[in-house]
Each structure stands twice: as structure tokens, then as C-alpha cells.
Amino acid sequence: MSERRPPLEPLLKTPPFRVFIESIGDIGVLTIDMVKSIARRPFEVNSTIYQIEQLGLRSVAIVAVTSMFIGMVMCVQFAYGLKRFGGIEYIPRVIVLSFLRELGPTLTSVIVGARIGSGMAAEVGAMNVTEQVDAIRALGADPAKKLVLPRVAAAIIALPLLSVIADVVGILGAAFVCAIEFNMSPMFFFRNALEVTRLWDLFAGLLKTPVFGFLIAIIGCHFGLNTRDGTQGVGQSTTRTVVHVCISILVADFFLTRVLLAIGDMG
């Protein structure tokens, strides 16, 4: 049996910067343990497939609905602003580039991350407070392999696919509003958008999503494995997971965007 950590209350009284640094260190150690366990048998294939279903398939509806209405709202907002300058024909270009490069991957990751990150923290946290994680260690298994690795792998696989769905549905929603509100045919919408869209614009957005998926899963598992104080601790871990996931995605998005834009300019 592993040694129990102190209750959560003393941690809340420590300086926030120290808690932040300790969390980064713990996440780094958890990541190293997970990477070391990849090559060890047995391979958690069935568990990974189950997590892909839980994280990916069950998030399709919320991603599709959210992206569709965001695309529709963006169309109305851009039309309101561009109409003043006679630039209504630029709506498709702005919306498609915005979705492919930024809104599709980042917005999807924030929305899905809040959902699946909190779910991971609650599930793993409940296992931790009921001593199921200690039982896994007592049986000679590694929680980093049994619990963390399948969730990280599933998030890395599912996020790019969900991002593609968000791109497609959001752009179709914008094209629908343009056709209904501004008499812009879908043919003109897509032809106009494709004039300025490159394949790299799609790749630049999709390349972010595996990083976002990794952050979502590793943060959720980290707070779940460090849950203490029963059901109250599970609730606190869930809240902290959502906050840390959203902030980490936005921070990572800034640096990834800078790197990918520089690579795109080189090409």
C-alpha cells in the first residue's frame, strides 16, 4: 500500500505559486511513468478503445451543435461589420480560415476538455478515495499504465477527429446562414473560401489537437490520482481540473500558433 498524502486543506493554505510548481512536477513525473509503461505488456487495447468511445463518440453531439451555432453567429456578426465597407463577399474567407486555424481545434478542445477532463478527474478520483488505486498497486499493476495511458491515448486520437467534425459542421452552418440571410449561394461560398485557403491551414489546426488531448487527459488523471477527503475532494479535483485544462489549452494554443505560423511562412 502506498503512503497516503496529507489532506487537501493544508494544500489550499500554501502559496498558489508553490502549488502550481508542485503540480507541474507531479504531472511531469506522471508523464514519464506513463511513457515508460507503453512498451510493457499487456497492451491496454480494449481499455483504450473503450475510452475512445467514452471520450470521442459521446462528445460528437455537443461538438456538432456548438460548432454549428458558432458558425451561424460568426456569419451574422461578420456580415454586420463587413456590410458597412461593402465587403460582404469576404465572409466565407474569414469564417473558413477562422474555423480551420483556430475555432475548430481550440474551441472543440476547450468544450470537450471541460467535459472529459472533469469526467476523468471524477472517475479516477472516486477510485482513489475508495482505495481502488491502492488495490491496483497492491496487485503489482501500475496505475500509470492501467488508468492514465488508455485515457491519454484515447484523448490524443479522439481530439483530431472531433476537430474535423467541428470544422465541417461550423462551416456548413455559416454557409446555410449566408444562403438564407444574404442570398449567397453555397457554390459561391465555398469557391470564394477555397481561393485563399491552403491545405496547411487545415493541418495547422489539426496539429494542435494531439497536444490539447494530451493536456486534457494528463491533467484530469493527475488531479484524479491526487484526490483526497472523500466526495468533497472529488468535487474539488473536478473543479480544479476544468480550470487548469482551459488555461493550459489557451496557453499552449498561443505558443503552438506562433510555431505553426512560422513553419507555414517558411513553406
Protein backbone atom coordinates (compact mmCIF):
# COMPACT_ATOMS: atom_id res chain seq x y z
CA MET A 1 0.00 0.00 0.00
CA SER A 2 1.30 3.44 -0.91
CA GLU A 3 1.81 6.10 1.67
CA ARG A 4 -1.14 8.48 1.91
CA ARG A 5 -0.62 12.15 1.24
CA PRO A 6 -1.80 14.83 3.65
CA PRO A 7 -5.38 16.11 3.42
CA LEU A 8 -6.34 18.75 0.87
CA GLU A 9 -6.86 21.63 3.33
CA PRO A 10 -3.14 22.28 4.01
CA LEU A 11 -2.51 22.41 0.27
CA LEU A 12 -5.12 25.15 -0.08
CA LYS A 13 -3.25 27.22 2.50
CA THR A 14 0.10 27.03 0.70
CA PRO A 15 1.13 29.80 -1.72
CA PRO A 16 -0.55 29.38 -5.13
CA PHE A 17 2.79 29.58 -6.97
CA ARG A 18 4.18 26.69 -4.93
CA VAL A 19 1.07 24.59 -5.61
CA PHE A 20 1.42 25.40 -9.32
CA ILE A 21 5.08 24.35 -9.43
CA GLU A 22 4.35 21.16 -7.49
CA SER A 23 1.51 20.31 -9.87
CA ILE A 24 3.79 20.75 -12.89
CA GLY A 25 6.37 18.48 -11.27
CA ASP A 26 3.78 15.83 -10.44
CA ILE A 27 2.39 15.95 -13.99
CA GLY A 28 5.91 15.60 -15.37
CA VAL A 29 6.59 12.54 -13.19
CA LEU A 30 3.24 11.02 -14.18
CA THR A 31 4.03 11.60 -17.85
CA ILE A 32 7.42 9.89 -17.52
CA ASP A 33 5.85 6.91 -15.73
CA MET A 34 3.22 6.65 -18.45
CA VAL A 35 5.78 6.77 -21.28
CA LYS A 36 7.88 4.09 -19.59
CA SER A 37 4.85 1.82 -19.35
CA ILE A 38 3.95 1.97 -23.06
CA ALA A 39 6.17 -0.93 -24.11
CA ARG A 40 5.27 -3.15 -21.16
CA ARG A 41 2.75 -5.93 -21.63
CA PRO A 42 -0.16 -6.30 -21.53
CA PHE A 43 -1.13 -3.60 -24.01
CA GLU A 44 -4.29 -1.84 -22.89
CA VAL A 45 -6.00 -2.04 -26.30
CA ASN A 46 -9.52 -2.84 -25.11
CA SER A 47 -9.37 -0.18 -22.44
CA THR A 48 -8.15 2.39 -24.97
CA ILE A 49 -10.97 1.55 -27.39
CA TYR A 50 -13.47 1.88 -24.55
CA GLN A 51 -12.07 5.28 -23.64
CA ILE A 52 -12.22 6.43 -27.28
CA GLU A 53 -15.90 5.59 -27.25
CA GLN A 54 -16.45 7.38 -23.95
CA LEU A 55 -14.40 10.46 -24.84
CA GLY A 56 -14.92 10.69 -28.59
CA LEU A 57 -18.23 9.24 -29.73
CA ARG A 58 -20.17 10.63 -26.79
CA SER A 59 -18.79 14.11 -27.46
CA VAL A 60 -19.85 14.29 -31.11
CA ALA A 61 -23.29 15.74 -30.38
CA ILE A 62 -22.08 18.61 -28.19
CA VAL A 63 -19.28 19.41 -30.66
CA ALA A 64 -21.65 19.42 -33.65
CA VAL A 65 -24.32 21.58 -32.02
CA THR A 66 -21.82 24.06 -30.58
CA SER A 67 -19.87 24.40 -33.83
CA MET A 68 -22.97 24.82 -35.96
CA PHE A 69 -24.34 27.71 -33.94
CA ILE A 70 -20.94 29.35 -33.60
CA GLY A 71 -20.60 29.26 -37.38
CA MET A 72 -24.05 30.78 -37.76
CA VAL A 73 -23.34 33.50 -35.21
CA MET A 74 -19.99 34.31 -36.81
CA CYS A 75 -21.68 34.68 -40.18
CA VAL A 76 -24.19 37.19 -38.80
CA GLN A 77 -21.55 39.12 -36.88
CA PHE A 78 -19.09 39.38 -39.76
CA ALA A 79 -21.87 40.32 -42.17
CA TYR A 80 -22.96 43.13 -39.86
CA GLY A 81 -19.44 44.55 -39.78
CA LEU A 82 -18.36 43.93 -43.37
CA LYS A 83 -21.58 45.22 -44.88
CA ARG A 84 -20.56 48.76 -43.86
CA PHE A 85 -17.49 48.55 -46.11
CA GLY A 86 -19.05 46.64 -48.99
CA GLY A 87 -17.08 43.53 -48.10
CA ILE A 88 -19.91 41.02 -47.74
CA GLU A 89 -18.19 38.65 -50.20
CA TYR A 90 -15.27 38.23 -47.76
CA ILE A 91 -17.42 36.43 -45.18
CA PRO A 92 -16.62 32.90 -46.47
CA ARG A 93 -12.87 33.55 -46.43
CA VAL A 94 -12.84 34.89 -42.89
CA ILE A 95 -15.09 32.18 -41.46
CA VAL A 96 -13.37 29.21 -43.13
CA LEU A 97 -9.87 30.38 -42.18
CA SER A 98 -11.01 31.12 -38.62
CA PHE A 99 -12.52 27.66 -38.20
CA LEU A 100 -9.69 25.72 -39.76
CA ARG A 101 -6.89 27.51 -37.96
CA GLU A 102 -8.36 28.39 -34.58
CA LEU A 103 -12.02 27.91 -33.73
CA GLY A 104 -12.32 24.27 -34.78
CA PRO A 105 -9.38 22.84 -32.81
CA THR A 106 -9.25 25.24 -29.88
CA LEU A 107 -12.95 25.68 -29.18
CA THR A 108 -13.53 21.95 -29.53
CA SER A 109 -10.68 21.21 -27.14
CA VAL A 110 -11.96 23.66 -24.53
CA ILE A 111 -15.53 22.35 -24.67
CA VAL A 112 -14.62 18.67 -24.85
CA GLY A 113 -11.75 19.19 -22.41
CA ALA A 114 -14.08 20.58 -19.76
CA ARG A 115 -16.35 17.59 -20.24
CA ILE A 116 -13.89 14.70 -20.44
CA GLY A 117 -11.27 16.25 -18.15
CA SER A 118 -13.76 16.64 -15.35
CA GLY A 119 -15.07 13.15 -16.05
CA MET A 120 -11.58 11.68 -15.77
CA ALA A 121 -10.87 13.54 -12.55
CA ALA A 122 -14.16 12.40 -11.03
CA GLU A 123 -13.78 8.77 -12.14
CA VAL A 124 -10.15 8.35 -11.14
CA GLY A 125 -10.70 10.44 -8.01
CA ALA A 126 -13.57 8.21 -6.90
CA MET A 127 -11.35 5.17 -7.46
CA ASN A 128 -8.63 6.81 -5.40
CA VAL A 129 -10.76 7.72 -2.39
CA THR A 130 -12.30 4.24 -2.35
CA GLU A 131 -8.76 2.74 -2.37
CA GLN A 132 -9.16 1.03 -5.75
CA VAL A 133 -5.94 2.68 -6.95
CA ASP A 134 -4.14 1.29 -3.90
CA ALA A 135 -5.57 -2.13 -4.74
CA ILE A 136 -4.12 -1.86 -8.27
CA ARG A 137 -0.69 -1.14 -6.79
CA ALA A 138 -1.07 -3.97 -4.28
CA LEU A 139 -1.74 -6.41 -7.12
CA GLY A 140 1.54 -5.38 -8.76
CA ALA A 141 -0.02 -3.30 -11.55
CA ASP A 142 0.93 0.25 -12.47
CA PRO A 143 -1.85 2.90 -12.29
CA ALA A 144 0.03 4.94 -14.92
CA LYS A 145 -0.45 2.07 -17.36
CA LYS A 146 -3.88 0.83 -16.28
CA LEU A 147 -5.58 4.20 -15.78
CA VAL A 148 -3.57 7.02 -17.34
CA LEU A 149 -2.21 5.55 -20.59
CA PRO A 150 -5.58 4.47 -22.10
CA ARG A 151 -7.13 7.85 -21.35
CA VAL A 152 -4.21 9.83 -22.77
CA ALA A 153 -4.09 7.67 -25.92
CA ALA A 154 -7.86 7.98 -26.40
CA ALA A 155 -7.80 11.76 -26.00
CA ILE A 156 -4.91 12.13 -28.47
CA ILE A 157 -6.81 10.02 -31.03
CA ALA A 158 -10.28 11.50 -30.48
CA LEU A 159 -9.49 15.23 -30.47
CA PRO A 160 -8.33 15.48 -34.13
CA LEU A 161 -11.45 13.63 -35.29
CA LEU A 162 -13.72 15.86 -33.23
CA SER A 163 -11.92 18.91 -34.60
CA VAL A 164 -12.65 17.81 -38.18
CA ILE A 165 -16.32 17.40 -37.29
CA ALA A 166 -16.34 20.87 -35.76
CA ASP A 167 -14.76 22.38 -38.88
CA VAL A 168 -17.24 20.74 -41.24
CA VAL A 169 -20.39 21.44 -39.21
CA GLY A 170 -19.38 25.02 -38.35
CA ILE A 171 -18.61 25.91 -41.96
CA LEU A 172 -21.86 24.31 -43.16
CA GLY A 173 -23.78 26.32 -40.56
CA ALA A 174 -22.18 29.54 -41.81
CA ALA A 175 -22.92 28.62 -45.45
CA PHE A 176 -26.55 27.94 -44.53
CA VAL A 177 -26.98 31.37 -42.92
CA CYS A 178 -25.26 33.08 -45.86
CA ALA A 179 -27.69 31.37 -48.25
CA ILE A 180 -30.78 32.22 -46.19
CA GLU A 181 -29.94 35.72 -44.96
CA PHE A 182 -27.69 37.17 -47.68
CA ASN A 183 -28.67 35.25 -50.84
CA MET A 184 -25.13 33.85 -51.18
CA SER A 185 -25.22 30.50 -52.95
CA PRO A 186 -23.29 27.62 -51.36
CA MET A 187 -21.29 27.26 -54.59
CA PHE A 188 -20.13 30.87 -54.35
CA PHE A 189 -19.45 30.47 -50.61
CA PHE A 190 -17.10 27.52 -50.99
CA ARG A 191 -15.45 28.76 -54.19
CA ASN A 192 -14.71 32.09 -52.54
CA ALA A 193 -13.32 30.40 -49.43
CA LEU A 194 -11.12 27.99 -51.36
CA GLU A 195 -9.44 30.87 -53.19
CA VAL A 196 -7.47 31.80 -50.07
CA THR A 197 -7.47 28.52 -48.14
CA ARG A 198 -4.43 26.24 -48.22
CA LEU A 199 -4.12 22.66 -47.09
CA TRP A 200 -1.65 23.86 -44.46
CA ASP A 201 -4.46 25.90 -42.84
CA LEU A 202 -6.24 22.63 -42.08
CA PHE A 203 -3.08 20.88 -40.91
CA ALA A 204 -2.06 23.84 -38.74
CA GLY A 205 -5.27 23.45 -36.77
CA LEU A 206 -5.25 19.67 -36.58
CA LEU A 207 -1.63 19.51 -35.42
CA LYS A 208 -2.61 21.32 -32.23
CA THR A 209 -5.25 18.82 -31.19
CA PRO A 210 -2.99 15.91 -30.10
CA VAL A 211 -1.20 18.32 -27.75
CA PHE A 212 -4.54 19.53 -26.39
CA GLY A 213 -5.74 15.94 -25.97
CA PHE A 214 -2.60 15.05 -24.04
CA LEU A 215 -3.01 18.06 -21.73
CA ILE A 216 -6.67 17.28 -21.07
CA ALA A 217 -6.07 13.66 -20.17
CA ILE A 218 -2.88 14.05 -18.15
CA ILE A 219 -4.30 16.93 -16.10
CA GLY A 220 -7.55 15.09 -15.43
CA CYS A 221 -5.70 11.93 -14.36
CA HIS A 222 -3.26 13.94 -12.24
CA PHE A 223 -5.97 15.58 -10.18
CA GLY A 224 -7.90 12.33 -10.00
CA LEU A 225 -4.91 10.42 -8.60
CA ASN A 226 -4.31 13.18 -6.06
CA THR A 227 -7.89 13.31 -4.81
CA ARG A 228 -8.32 13.11 -1.05
CA ASP A 229 -11.04 13.70 1.57
CA GLY A 230 -13.85 11.64 0.06
CA THR A 231 -16.65 13.08 -2.04
CA GLN A 232 -15.69 16.65 -1.15
CA GLY A 233 -12.22 16.05 -2.56
CA VAL A 234 -13.70 14.60 -5.76
CA GLY A 235 -15.70 17.79 -6.30
CA GLN A 236 -12.67 19.98 -5.66
CA SER A 237 -10.50 17.93 -8.01
CA THR A 238 -13.13 18.17 -10.74
CA THR A 239 -13.35 21.95 -10.43
CA ARG A 240 -9.59 22.38 -10.44
CA THR A 241 -9.30 20.12 -13.48
CA VAL A 242 -11.69 22.23 -15.56
CA VAL A 243 -9.84 25.43 -14.66
CA HIS A 244 -6.38 24.01 -15.35
CA VAL A 245 -7.46 22.33 -18.60
CA CYS A 246 -8.97 25.51 -20.05
CA ILE A 247 -5.98 27.66 -19.07
CA SER A 248 -3.41 25.13 -20.30
CA ILE A 249 -5.16 24.78 -23.68
CA LEU A 250 -5.23 28.54 -24.23
CA VAL A 251 -1.60 28.97 -23.19
CA ALA A 252 -0.47 26.06 -25.37
CA ASP A 253 -2.55 27.40 -28.25
CA PHE A 254 -0.62 30.68 -28.25
CA PHE A 255 2.79 29.02 -28.48
CA LEU A 256 1.65 26.38 -30.97
CA THR A 257 0.09 29.06 -33.18
CA ARG A 258 3.33 31.02 -33.23
CA VAL A 259 5.35 27.93 -34.15
CA LEU A 260 2.92 26.73 -36.84
CA LEU A 261 2.63 30.18 -38.40
CA ALA A 262 6.42 30.37 -38.61
CA ILE A 263 6.54 26.93 -40.24
CA GLY A 264 3.80 27.96 -42.67
CA ASP A 265 5.68 31.09 -43.68
CA MET A 266 8.81 29.03 -44.30
CA GLY A 267 6.86 26.75 -46.61
